[in-house]
All heavy atoms as atom14 arrays in JSON, in Angstrom:
{
  "sequence": "AAGEFWVGTRNGLNRLDPVSNGVVRYPAGTAQSQGLSGGFVSALLLD",
  "atom14_mask": [
    [1, 1, 1, 1, 1, 0, 0, 0, 0, 0, 0, 0, 0, 0],
    [1, 1, 1, 1, 1, 0, 0, 0, 0, 0, 0, 0, 0, 0],
    [1, 1, 1, 1, 0, 0, 0, 0, 0, 0, 0, 0, 0, 0],
    [1, 1, 1, 1, 1, 1, 1, 1, 1, 0, 0, 0, 0, 0],
    [1, 1, 1, 1, 1, 1, 1, 1, 1, 1, 1, 0, 0, 0],
    [1, 1, 1, 1, 1, 1, 1, 1, 1, 1, 1, 1, 1, 1],
    [1, 1, 1, 1, 1, 1, 1, 0, 0, 0, 0, 0, 0, 0],
    [1, 1, 1, 1, 0, 0, 0, 0, 0, 0, 0, 0, 0, 0],
    [1, 1, 1, 1, 1, 1, 1, 0, 0, 0, 0, 0, 0, 0],
    [1, 1, 1, 1, 1, 1, 1, 1, 1, 1, 1, 0, 0, 0],
    [1, 1, 1, 1, 1, 1, 1, 1, 0, 0, 0, 0, 0, 0],
    [1, 1, 1, 1, 0, 0, 0, 0, 0, 0, 0, 0, 0, 0],
    [1, 1, 1, 1, 1, 1, 1, 1, 0, 0, 0, 0, 0, 0],
    [1, 1, 1, 1, 1, 1, 1, 1, 0, 0, 0, 0, 0, 0],
    [1, 1, 1, 1, 1, 1, 1, 1, 1, 1, 1, 0, 0, 0],
    [1, 1, 1, 1, 1, 1, 1, 1, 0, 0, 0, 0, 0, 0],
    [1, 1, 1, 1, 1, 1, 1, 1, 0, 0, 0, 0, 0, 0],
    [1, 1, 1, 1, 1, 1, 1, 0, 0, 0, 0, 0, 0, 0],
    [1, 1, 1, 1, 1, 1, 1, 0, 0, 0, 0, 0, 0, 0],
    [1, 1, 1, 1, 1, 1, 0, 0, 0, 0, 0, 0, 0, 0],
    [1, 1, 1, 1, 1, 1, 1, 1, 0, 0, 0, 0, 0, 0],
    [1, 1, 1, 1, 0, 0, 0, 0, 0, 0, 0, 0, 0, 0],
    [1, 1, 1, 1, 1, 1, 1, 0, 0, 0, 0, 0, 0, 0],
    [1, 1, 1, 1, 1, 1, 1, 0, 0, 0, 0, 0, 0, 0],
    [1, 1, 1, 1, 1, 1, 1, 1, 1, 1, 1, 0, 0, 0],
    [1, 1, 1, 1, 1, 1, 1, 1, 1, 1, 1, 1, 0, 0],
    [1, 1, 1, 1, 1, 1, 1, 0, 0, 0, 0, 0, 0, 0],
    [1, 1, 1, 1, 1, 0, 0, 0, 0, 0, 0, 0, 0, 0],
    [1, 1, 1, 1, 0, 0, 0, 0, 0, 0, 0, 0, 0, 0],
    [1, 1, 1, 1, 1, 1, 1, 0, 0, 0, 0, 0, 0, 0],
    [1, 1, 1, 1, 1, 0, 0, 0, 0, 0, 0, 0, 0, 0],
    [1, 1, 1, 1, 1, 1, 1, 1, 1, 0, 0, 0, 0, 0],
    [1, 1, 1, 1, 1, 1, 0, 0, 0, 0, 0, 0, 0, 0],
    [1, 1, 1, 1, 1, 1, 1, 1, 1, 0, 0, 0, 0, 0],
    [1, 1, 1, 1, 0, 0, 0, 0, 0, 0, 0, 0, 0, 0],
    [1, 1, 1, 1, 1, 1, 1, 1, 0, 0, 0, 0, 0, 0],
    [1, 1, 1, 1, 1, 1, 0, 0, 0, 0, 0, 0, 0, 0],
    [1, 1, 1, 1, 0, 0, 0, 0, 0, 0, 0, 0, 0, 0],
    [1, 1, 1, 1, 0, 0, 0, 0, 0, 0, 0, 0, 0, 0],
    [1, 1, 1, 1, 1, 1, 1, 1, 1, 1, 1, 0, 0, 0],
    [1, 1, 1, 1, 1, 1, 1, 0, 0, 0, 0, 0, 0, 0],
    [1, 1, 1, 1, 1, 1, 0, 0, 0, 0, 0, 0, 0, 0],
    [1, 1, 1, 1, 1, 0, 0, 0, 0, 0, 0, 0, 0, 0],
    [1, 1, 1, 1, 1, 1, 1, 1, 0, 0, 0, 0, 0, 0],
    [1, 1, 1, 1, 1, 1, 1, 1, 0, 0, 0, 0, 0, 0],
    [1, 1, 1, 1, 1, 1, 1, 1, 0, 0, 0, 0, 0, 0],
    [1, 1, 1, 1, 1, 1, 1, 1, 0, 0, 0, 0, 0, 0]
  ],
  "atom14_positions": [
    [[-6.71, -5.85, 0.81], [-5.55, -6.54, 0.26], [-4.26, -6.12, 0.96], [-3.3, -6.89, 1.03], [-5.45, -6.29, -1.23], [0.0, 0.0, 0.0], [0.0, 0.0, 0.0], [0.0, 0.0, 0.0], [0.0, 0.0, 0.0], [0.0, 0.0, 0.0], [0.0, 0.0, 0.0], [0.0, 0.0, 0.0], [0.0, 0.0, 0.0], [0.0, 0.0, 0.0]],
    [[-4.19, -4.89, 1.47], [-2.98, -4.39, 2.12], [-3.02, -4.57, 3.63], [-2.2, -3.98, 4.35], [-2.78, -2.92, 1.77], [0.0, 0.0, 0.0], [0.0, 0.0, 0.0], [0.0, 0.0, 0.0], [0.0, 0.0, 0.0], [0.0, 0.0, 0.0], [0.0, 0.0, 0.0], [0.0, 0.0, 0.0], [0.0, 0.0, 0.0], [0.0, 0.0, 0.0]],
    [[-3.99, -5.34, 4.14], [-4.08, -5.57, 5.57], [-4.99, -4.61, 6.31], [-5.21, -4.77, 7.51], [0.0, 0.0, 0.0], [0.0, 0.0, 0.0], [0.0, 0.0, 0.0], [0.0, 0.0, 0.0], [0.0, 0.0, 0.0], [0.0, 0.0, 0.0], [0.0, 0.0, 0.0], [0.0, 0.0, 0.0], [0.0, 0.0, 0.0], [0.0, 0.0, 0.0]],
    [[-5.54, -3.63, 5.61], [-6.45, -2.68, 6.25], [-7.81, -3.35, 6.5], [-8.12, -4.38, 5.91], [-6.63, -1.43, 5.39], [-7.52, -1.61, 4.17], [-6.81, -2.19, 2.96], [-5.7, -2.73, 3.1], [-7.4, -2.12, 1.86], [0.0, 0.0, 0.0], [0.0, 0.0, 0.0], [0.0, 0.0, 0.0], [0.0, 0.0, 0.0], [0.0, 0.0, 0.0]],
    [[-8.59, -2.75, 7.38], [-9.93, -3.26, 7.65], [-10.96, -2.23, 7.2], [-10.83, -1.03, 7.47], [-10.12, -3.55, 9.14], [-9.44, -4.81, 9.57], [-8.2, -4.76, 10.18], [-10.04, -6.04, 9.37], [-7.56, -5.92, 10.58], [-9.41, -7.21, 9.76], [-8.18, -7.15, 10.36], [0.0, 0.0, 0.0], [0.0, 0.0, 0.0], [0.0, 0.0, 0.0]],
    [[-11.97, -2.71, 6.5], [-13.11, -1.89, 6.1], [-14.22, -2.16, 7.09], [-14.58, -3.31, 7.35], [-13.53, -2.21, 4.68], [-12.5, -1.84, 3.67], [-11.56, -2.64, 3.1], [-12.3, -0.54, 3.1], [-10.78, -1.93, 2.22], [-11.21, -0.63, 2.2], [-12.93, 0.7, 3.26], [-10.75, 0.45, 1.46], [-12.47, 1.79, 2.53], [-11.4, 1.66, 1.65]],
    [[-14.77, -1.1, 7.66], [-15.78, -1.2, 8.7], [-17.04, -0.5, 8.21], [-17.07, 0.72, 8.06], [-15.29, -0.55, 10.02], [-16.32, -0.74, 11.12], [-13.93, -1.13, 10.43], [0.0, 0.0, 0.0], [0.0, 0.0, 0.0], [0.0, 0.0, 0.0], [0.0, 0.0, 0.0], [0.0, 0.0, 0.0], [0.0, 0.0, 0.0], [0.0, 0.0, 0.0]],
    [[-18.09, -1.29, 7.96], [-19.37, -0.72, 7.53], [-20.28, -0.53, 8.72], [-20.5, -1.46, 9.5], [0.0, 0.0, 0.0], [0.0, 0.0, 0.0], [0.0, 0.0, 0.0], [0.0, 0.0, 0.0], [0.0, 0.0, 0.0], [0.0, 0.0, 0.0], [0.0, 0.0, 0.0], [0.0, 0.0, 0.0], [0.0, 0.0, 0.0], [0.0, 0.0, 0.0]],
    [[-20.8, 0.67, 8.87], [-21.67, 0.99, 10.0], [-23.04, 1.44, 9.5], [-23.3, 1.46, 8.3], [-21.06, 2.12, 10.85], [-21.2, 3.37, 10.15], [-19.6, 1.87, 11.17], [0.0, 0.0, 0.0], [0.0, 0.0, 0.0], [0.0, 0.0, 0.0], [0.0, 0.0, 0.0], [0.0, 0.0, 0.0], [0.0, 0.0, 0.0], [0.0, 0.0, 0.0]],
    [[-23.89, 1.81, 10.43], [-25.21, 2.32, 10.07], [-25.15, 3.77, 9.59], [-26.17, 4.35, 9.26], [-26.16, 2.22, 11.26], [-26.52, 0.8, 11.63], [-27.64, 0.77, 12.62], [-27.98, -0.61, 12.96], [-29.09, -0.94, 13.59], [-29.96, -0.02, 13.95], [-29.33, -2.21, 13.87], [0.0, 0.0, 0.0], [0.0, 0.0, 0.0], [0.0, 0.0, 0.0]],
    [[-23.95, 4.31, 9.56], [-23.82, 5.7, 9.15], [-22.53, 5.92, 8.35], [-21.81, 6.88, 8.57], [-23.84, 6.62, 10.38], [-23.96, 8.08, 10.01], [-24.56, 8.42, 8.99], [-23.4, 8.94, 10.82], [0.0, 0.0, 0.0], [0.0, 0.0, 0.0], [0.0, 0.0, 0.0], [0.0, 0.0, 0.0], [0.0, 0.0, 0.0], [0.0, 0.0, 0.0]],
    [[-22.24, 5.0, 7.43], [-21.08, 5.2, 6.57], [-20.05, 4.09, 6.65], [-20.2, 3.11, 7.38], [0.0, 0.0, 0.0], [0.0, 0.0, 0.0], [0.0, 0.0, 0.0], [0.0, 0.0, 0.0], [0.0, 0.0, 0.0], [0.0, 0.0, 0.0], [0.0, 0.0, 0.0], [0.0, 0.0, 0.0], [0.0, 0.0, 0.0], [0.0, 0.0, 0.0]],
    [[-18.98, 4.27, 5.88], [-17.9, 3.29, 5.74], [-16.62, 3.89, 6.32], [-16.4, 5.1, 6.25], [-17.71, 2.96, 4.26], [-16.58, 2.01, 3.88], [-16.89, 0.6, 4.37], [-16.38, 2.02, 2.37], [0.0, 0.0, 0.0], [0.0, 0.0, 0.0], [0.0, 0.0, 0.0], [0.0, 0.0, 0.0], [0.0, 0.0, 0.0], [0.0, 0.0, 0.0]],
    [[-15.77, 3.02, 6.88], [-14.5, 3.45, 7.47], [-13.38, 2.53, 7.01], [-13.58, 1.32, 6.87], [-14.57, 3.4, 8.99], [-15.74, 4.18, 9.54], [-15.61, 5.34, 9.9], [-16.9, 3.54, 9.63], [0.0, 0.0, 0.0], [0.0, 0.0, 0.0], [0.0, 0.0, 0.0], [0.0, 0.0, 0.0], [0.0, 0.0, 0.0], [0.0, 0.0, 0.0]],
    [[-12.21, 3.13, 6.8], [-11.01, 2.35, 6.5], [-10.08, 2.47, 7.7], [-9.65, 3.57, 8.05], [-10.32, 2.88, 5.25], [-9.08, 2.1, 4.83], [-8.41, 2.77, 3.63], [-7.3, 2.0, 3.13], [-6.07, 2.04, 3.62], [-5.79, 2.83, 4.66], [-5.11, 1.31, 3.1], [0.0, 0.0, 0.0], [0.0, 0.0, 0.0], [0.0, 0.0, 0.0]],
    [[-9.78, 1.33, 8.34], [-8.99, 1.32, 9.56], [-7.62, 0.71, 9.28], [-7.53, -0.4, 8.78], [-9.71, 0.52, 10.65], [-8.92, 0.23, 11.93], [-8.65, 1.51, 12.7], [-9.65, -0.78, 12.79], [0.0, 0.0, 0.0], [0.0, 0.0, 0.0], [0.0, 0.0, 0.0], [0.0, 0.0, 0.0], [0.0, 0.0, 0.0], [0.0, 0.0, 0.0]],
    [[-6.57, 1.45, 9.62], [-5.21, 0.93, 9.55], [-4.92, 0.24, 10.88], [-4.87, 0.9, 11.92], [-4.23, 2.08, 9.33], [-2.79, 1.6, 9.16], [-2.42, 0.58, 9.76], [-2.03, 2.27, 8.43], [0.0, 0.0, 0.0], [0.0, 0.0, 0.0], [0.0, 0.0, 0.0], [0.0, 0.0, 0.0], [0.0, 0.0, 0.0], [0.0, 0.0, 0.0]],
    [[-4.74, -1.1, 10.9], [-4.56, -1.81, 12.17], [-3.24, -1.51, 12.87], [-3.1, -1.79, 14.06], [-4.65, -3.28, 11.78], [-4.25, -3.32, 10.35], [-4.7, -2.01, 9.75], [0.0, 0.0, 0.0], [0.0, 0.0, 0.0], [0.0, 0.0, 0.0], [0.0, 0.0, 0.0], [0.0, 0.0, 0.0], [0.0, 0.0, 0.0], [0.0, 0.0, 0.0]],
    [[-2.27, -0.94, 12.16], [-0.98, -0.61, 12.78], [-1.05, 0.74, 13.49], [-0.73, 0.86, 14.67], [0.14, -0.61, 11.72], [1.46, -0.2, 12.36], [0.26, -1.98, 11.06], [0.0, 0.0, 0.0], [0.0, 0.0, 0.0], [0.0, 0.0, 0.0], [0.0, 0.0, 0.0], [0.0, 0.0, 0.0], [0.0, 0.0, 0.0], [0.0, 0.0, 0.0]],
    [[-1.51, 1.76, 12.76], [-1.57, 3.1, 13.34], [-2.9, 3.4, 14.01], [-3.03, 4.4, 14.72], [-1.31, 4.15, 12.26], [-2.39, 4.17, 11.33], [0.0, 0.0, 0.0], [0.0, 0.0, 0.0], [0.0, 0.0, 0.0], [0.0, 0.0, 0.0], [0.0, 0.0, 0.0], [0.0, 0.0, 0.0], [0.0, 0.0, 0.0], [0.0, 0.0, 0.0]],
    [[-3.92, 2.56, 13.76], [-5.29, 2.79, 14.23], [-5.91, 4.04, 13.62], [-6.88, 4.58, 14.15], [-5.37, 2.86, 15.77], [-5.18, 1.5, 16.4], [-5.68, 0.5, 15.91], [-4.42, 1.46, 17.48], [0.0, 0.0, 0.0], [0.0, 0.0, 0.0], [0.0, 0.0, 0.0], [0.0, 0.0, 0.0], [0.0, 0.0, 0.0], [0.0, 0.0, 0.0]],
    [[-5.34, 4.53, 12.53], [-5.91, 5.67, 11.83], [-7.16, 5.29, 11.09], [-7.3, 4.18, 10.58], [0.0, 0.0, 0.0], [0.0, 0.0, 0.0], [0.0, 0.0, 0.0], [0.0, 0.0, 0.0], [0.0, 0.0, 0.0], [0.0, 0.0, 0.0], [0.0, 0.0, 0.0], [0.0, 0.0, 0.0], [0.0, 0.0, 0.0], [0.0, 0.0, 0.0]],
    [[-8.11, 6.21, 11.02], [-9.4, 5.95, 10.39], [-9.64, 6.97, 9.28], [-9.45, 8.18, 9.47], [-10.55, 6.04, 11.42], [-11.91, 5.91, 10.74], [-10.39, 4.97, 12.48], [0.0, 0.0, 0.0], [0.0, 0.0, 0.0], [0.0, 0.0, 0.0], [0.0, 0.0, 0.0], [0.0, 0.0, 0.0], [0.0, 0.0, 0.0], [0.0, 0.0, 0.0]],
    [[-10.05, 6.47, 8.11], [-10.52, 7.33, 7.02], [-12.0, 7.06, 6.88], [-12.43, 5.91, 6.75], [-9.78, 7.02, 5.69], [-10.34, 7.89, 4.57], [-8.3, 7.23, 5.85], [0.0, 0.0, 0.0], [0.0, 0.0, 0.0], [0.0, 0.0, 0.0], [0.0, 0.0, 0.0], [0.0, 0.0, 0.0], [0.0, 0.0, 0.0], [0.0, 0.0, 0.0]],
    [[-12.8, 8.12, 6.89], [-14.27, 7.99, 6.87], [-14.8, 8.21, 5.46], [-14.33, 9.08, 4.73], [-14.89, 9.0, 7.82], [-14.49, 8.78, 9.25], [-14.69, 10.0, 10.13], [-15.99, 10.61, 10.01], [-16.82, 10.82, 11.01], [-16.48, 10.44, 12.23], [-17.97, 11.39, 10.84], [0.0, 0.0, 0.0], [0.0, 0.0, 0.0], [0.0, 0.0, 0.0]],
    [[-15.81, 7.43, 5.09], [-16.52, 7.55, 3.82], [-18.0, 7.7, 4.12], [-18.74, 6.72, 4.12], [-16.28, 6.32, 2.93], [-14.85, 6.1, 2.53], [-13.94, 5.52, 3.41], [-14.4, 6.45, 1.26], [-12.62, 5.3, 3.04], [-13.08, 6.24, 0.89], [-12.2, 5.67, 1.78], [-10.89, 5.45, 1.41], [0.0, 0.0, 0.0], [0.0, 0.0, 0.0]],
    [[-18.47, 8.91, 4.37], [-19.88, 9.1, 4.7], [-20.76, 9.05, 3.44], [-20.26, 9.08, 2.32], [-19.9, 10.5, 5.33], [-18.76, 11.2, 4.66], [-17.7, 10.16, 4.41], [0.0, 0.0, 0.0], [0.0, 0.0, 0.0], [0.0, 0.0, 0.0], [0.0, 0.0, 0.0], [0.0, 0.0, 0.0], [0.0, 0.0, 0.0], [0.0, 0.0, 0.0]],
    [[-22.05, 9.0, 3.67], [-22.99, 9.06, 2.54], [-22.97, 10.48, 1.98], [-22.72, 11.45, 2.69], [-24.39, 8.7, 3.0], [0.0, 0.0, 0.0], [0.0, 0.0, 0.0], [0.0, 0.0, 0.0], [0.0, 0.0, 0.0], [0.0, 0.0, 0.0], [0.0, 0.0, 0.0], [0.0, 0.0, 0.0], [0.0, 0.0, 0.0], [0.0, 0.0, 0.0]],
    [[-23.21, 10.59, 0.68], [-23.21, 11.89, 0.03], [-24.34, 12.01, -0.96], [-25.36, 11.33, -0.85], [0.0, 0.0, 0.0], [0.0, 0.0, 0.0], [0.0, 0.0, 0.0], [0.0, 0.0, 0.0], [0.0, 0.0, 0.0], [0.0, 0.0, 0.0], [0.0, 0.0, 0.0], [0.0, 0.0, 0.0], [0.0, 0.0, 0.0], [0.0, 0.0, 0.0]],
    [[-24.13, 12.83, -1.96], [-25.11, 13.01, -3.02], [-24.54, 12.48, -4.31], [-23.37, 12.13, -4.4], [-25.45, 14.51, -3.2], [-24.26, 15.19, -3.62], [-25.94, 15.12, -1.9], [0.0, 0.0, 0.0], [0.0, 0.0, 0.0], [0.0, 0.0, 0.0], [0.0, 0.0, 0.0], [0.0, 0.0, 0.0], [0.0, 0.0, 0.0], [0.0, 0.0, 0.0]],
    [[-25.37, 12.4, -5.33], [-24.91, 11.9, -6.63], [-23.81, 12.77, -7.2], [-22.98, 12.31, -7.98], [-26.09, 11.83, -7.6], [0.0, 0.0, 0.0], [0.0, 0.0, 0.0], [0.0, 0.0, 0.0], [0.0, 0.0, 0.0], [0.0, 0.0, 0.0], [0.0, 0.0, 0.0], [0.0, 0.0, 0.0], [0.0, 0.0, 0.0], [0.0, 0.0, 0.0]],
    [[-23.77, 14.05, -6.82], [-22.76, 14.95, -7.34], [-21.45, 14.86, -6.57], [-20.41, 15.29, -7.05], [-23.27, 16.41, -7.3], [-24.39, 16.71, -8.28], [-25.73, 16.16, -7.84], [-26.0, 16.03, -6.66], [-26.58, 15.81, -8.81], [0.0, 0.0, 0.0], [0.0, 0.0, 0.0], [0.0, 0.0, 0.0], [0.0, 0.0, 0.0], [0.0, 0.0, 0.0]],
    [[-21.51, 14.29, -5.36], [-20.29, 14.21, -4.55], [-19.68, 12.83, -4.67], [-20.2, 11.95, -5.32], [-20.63, 14.51, -3.08], [-21.31, 13.41, -2.5], [0.0, 0.0, 0.0], [0.0, 0.0, 0.0], [0.0, 0.0, 0.0], [0.0, 0.0, 0.0], [0.0, 0.0, 0.0], [0.0, 0.0, 0.0], [0.0, 0.0, 0.0], [0.0, 0.0, 0.0]],
    [[-18.56, 12.62, -4.0], [-17.88, 11.34, -4.0], [-18.3, 10.48, -2.81], [-17.69, 9.46, -2.55], [-16.36, 11.54, -3.99], [-15.82, 12.08, -5.29], [-16.11, 11.14, -6.46], [-15.85, 9.96, -6.4], [-16.67, 11.69, -7.53], [0.0, 0.0, 0.0], [0.0, 0.0, 0.0], [0.0, 0.0, 0.0], [0.0, 0.0, 0.0], [0.0, 0.0, 0.0]],
    [[-19.35, 10.92, -2.08], [-19.83, 10.15, -0.95], [-20.54, 8.89, -1.4], [-20.86, 8.7, -2.57], [0.0, 0.0, 0.0], [0.0, 0.0, 0.0], [0.0, 0.0, 0.0], [0.0, 0.0, 0.0], [0.0, 0.0, 0.0], [0.0, 0.0, 0.0], [0.0, 0.0, 0.0], [0.0, 0.0, 0.0], [0.0, 0.0, 0.0], [0.0, 0.0, 0.0]],
    [[-20.8, 8.0, -0.44], [-21.51, 6.77, -0.74], [-22.97, 7.05, -1.07], [-23.55, 8.04, -0.63], [-21.44, 5.82, 0.46], [-20.06, 5.34, 0.9], [-20.18, 4.49, 2.15], [-19.39, 4.56, -0.21], [0.0, 0.0, 0.0], [0.0, 0.0, 0.0], [0.0, 0.0, 0.0], [0.0, 0.0, 0.0], [0.0, 0.0, 0.0], [0.0, 0.0, 0.0]],
    [[-23.58, 6.13, -1.82], [-24.99, 6.3, -2.2], [-25.92, 6.13, -1.01], [-26.99, 6.73, -0.97], [-25.36, 5.28, -3.29], [-24.58, 5.48, -4.43], [0.0, 0.0, 0.0], [0.0, 0.0, 0.0], [0.0, 0.0, 0.0], [0.0, 0.0, 0.0], [0.0, 0.0, 0.0], [0.0, 0.0, 0.0], [0.0, 0.0, 0.0], [0.0, 0.0, 0.0]],
    [[-25.53, 5.29, -0.05], [-26.34, 5.07, 1.14], [-25.47, 5.01, 2.37], [-24.34, 4.51, 2.34], [0.0, 0.0, 0.0], [0.0, 0.0, 0.0], [0.0, 0.0, 0.0], [0.0, 0.0, 0.0], [0.0, 0.0, 0.0], [0.0, 0.0, 0.0], [0.0, 0.0, 0.0], [0.0, 0.0, 0.0], [0.0, 0.0, 0.0], [0.0, 0.0, 0.0]],
    [[-25.99, 5.49, 3.5], [-25.2, 5.54, 4.72], [-25.2, 4.24, 5.51], [-24.23, 3.92, 6.19], [0.0, 0.0, 0.0], [0.0, 0.0, 0.0], [0.0, 0.0, 0.0], [0.0, 0.0, 0.0], [0.0, 0.0, 0.0], [0.0, 0.0, 0.0], [0.0, 0.0, 0.0], [0.0, 0.0, 0.0], [0.0, 0.0, 0.0], [0.0, 0.0, 0.0]],
    [[-26.3, 3.46, 5.44], [-26.43, 2.22, 6.2], [-25.75, 1.11, 5.4], [-26.34, 0.5, 4.51], [-27.91, 1.9, 6.41], [-28.17, 0.86, 7.46], [-29.03, 1.14, 8.52], [-27.59, -0.39, 7.41], [-29.3, 0.19, 9.49], [-27.84, -1.35, 8.37], [-28.71, -1.07, 9.41], [0.0, 0.0, 0.0], [0.0, 0.0, 0.0], [0.0, 0.0, 0.0]],
    [[-24.47, 0.85, 5.69], [-23.69, -0.14, 4.94], [-24.06, -1.54, 5.42], [-23.9, -1.86, 6.6], [-22.18, 0.11, 5.1], [-21.37, -0.95, 4.36], [-21.83, 1.51, 4.58], [0.0, 0.0, 0.0], [0.0, 0.0, 0.0], [0.0, 0.0, 0.0], [0.0, 0.0, 0.0], [0.0, 0.0, 0.0], [0.0, 0.0, 0.0], [0.0, 0.0, 0.0]],
    [[-24.54, -2.37, 4.5], [-25.04, -3.69, 4.86], [-24.2, -4.83, 4.31], [-24.32, -5.97, 4.76], [-26.48, -3.85, 4.35], [-26.54, -3.54, 2.96], [0.0, 0.0, 0.0], [0.0, 0.0, 0.0], [0.0, 0.0, 0.0], [0.0, 0.0, 0.0], [0.0, 0.0, 0.0], [0.0, 0.0, 0.0], [0.0, 0.0, 0.0], [0.0, 0.0, 0.0]],
    [[-23.33, -4.58, 3.32], [-22.53, -5.65, 2.71], [-21.24, -5.09, 2.15], [-21.22, -3.98, 1.61], [-23.33, -6.34, 1.6], [0.0, 0.0, 0.0], [0.0, 0.0, 0.0], [0.0, 0.0, 0.0], [0.0, 0.0, 0.0], [0.0, 0.0, 0.0], [0.0, 0.0, 0.0], [0.0, 0.0, 0.0], [0.0, 0.0, 0.0], [0.0, 0.0, 0.0]],
    [[-20.15, -5.86, 2.27], [-18.85, -5.49, 1.73], [-18.26, -6.69, 1.0], [-18.4, -7.83, 1.45], [-17.89, -5.06, 2.83], [-18.22, -3.79, 3.61], [-17.26, -3.61, 4.77], [-18.19, -2.57, 2.7], [0.0, 0.0, 0.0], [0.0, 0.0, 0.0], [0.0, 0.0, 0.0], [0.0, 0.0, 0.0], [0.0, 0.0, 0.0], [0.0, 0.0, 0.0]],
    [[-17.59, -6.42, -0.12], [-16.91, -7.49, -0.86], [-15.68, -6.91, -1.53], [-15.78, -5.91, -2.26], [-17.84, -8.08, -1.93], [-17.18, -9.03, -2.94], [-16.82, -10.36, -2.27], [-18.07, -9.27, -4.14], [0.0, 0.0, 0.0], [0.0, 0.0, 0.0], [0.0, 0.0, 0.0], [0.0, 0.0, 0.0], [0.0, 0.0, 0.0], [0.0, 0.0, 0.0]],
    [[-14.53, -7.52, -1.29], [-13.31, -7.15, -2.0], [-13.14, -8.16, -3.13], [-12.95, -9.35, -2.89], [-12.1, -7.21, -1.06], [-10.83, -6.56, -1.6], [-10.95, -5.05, -1.58], [-9.62, -7.01, -0.8], [0.0, 0.0, 0.0], [0.0, 0.0, 0.0], [0.0, 0.0, 0.0], [0.0, 0.0, 0.0], [0.0, 0.0, 0.0], [0.0, 0.0, 0.0]],
    [[-13.25, -7.7, -4.39], [-13.21, -8.63, -5.52], [-11.78, -8.97, -5.92], [-10.81, -8.44, -5.35], [-14.03, -8.1, -6.71], [-13.39, -6.91, -7.41], [-12.22, -6.59, -7.15], [-14.07, -6.29, -8.25], [0.0, 0.0, 0.0], [0.0, 0.0, 0.0], [0.0, 0.0, 0.0], [0.0, 0.0, 0.0], [0.0, 0.0, 0.0], [0.0, 0.0, 0.0]]
  ]
}
């Protein structure tokens, strides 16, 4: 919604700022952590 790009890869999710080209990574984790449930990201939807 703010113009950023979400990039799903075979090893996690990334948030890309198209102005600064900065990347925030969201790797897969465990149920106890804040990581993703699975690393191979296959679908994205902004509701």
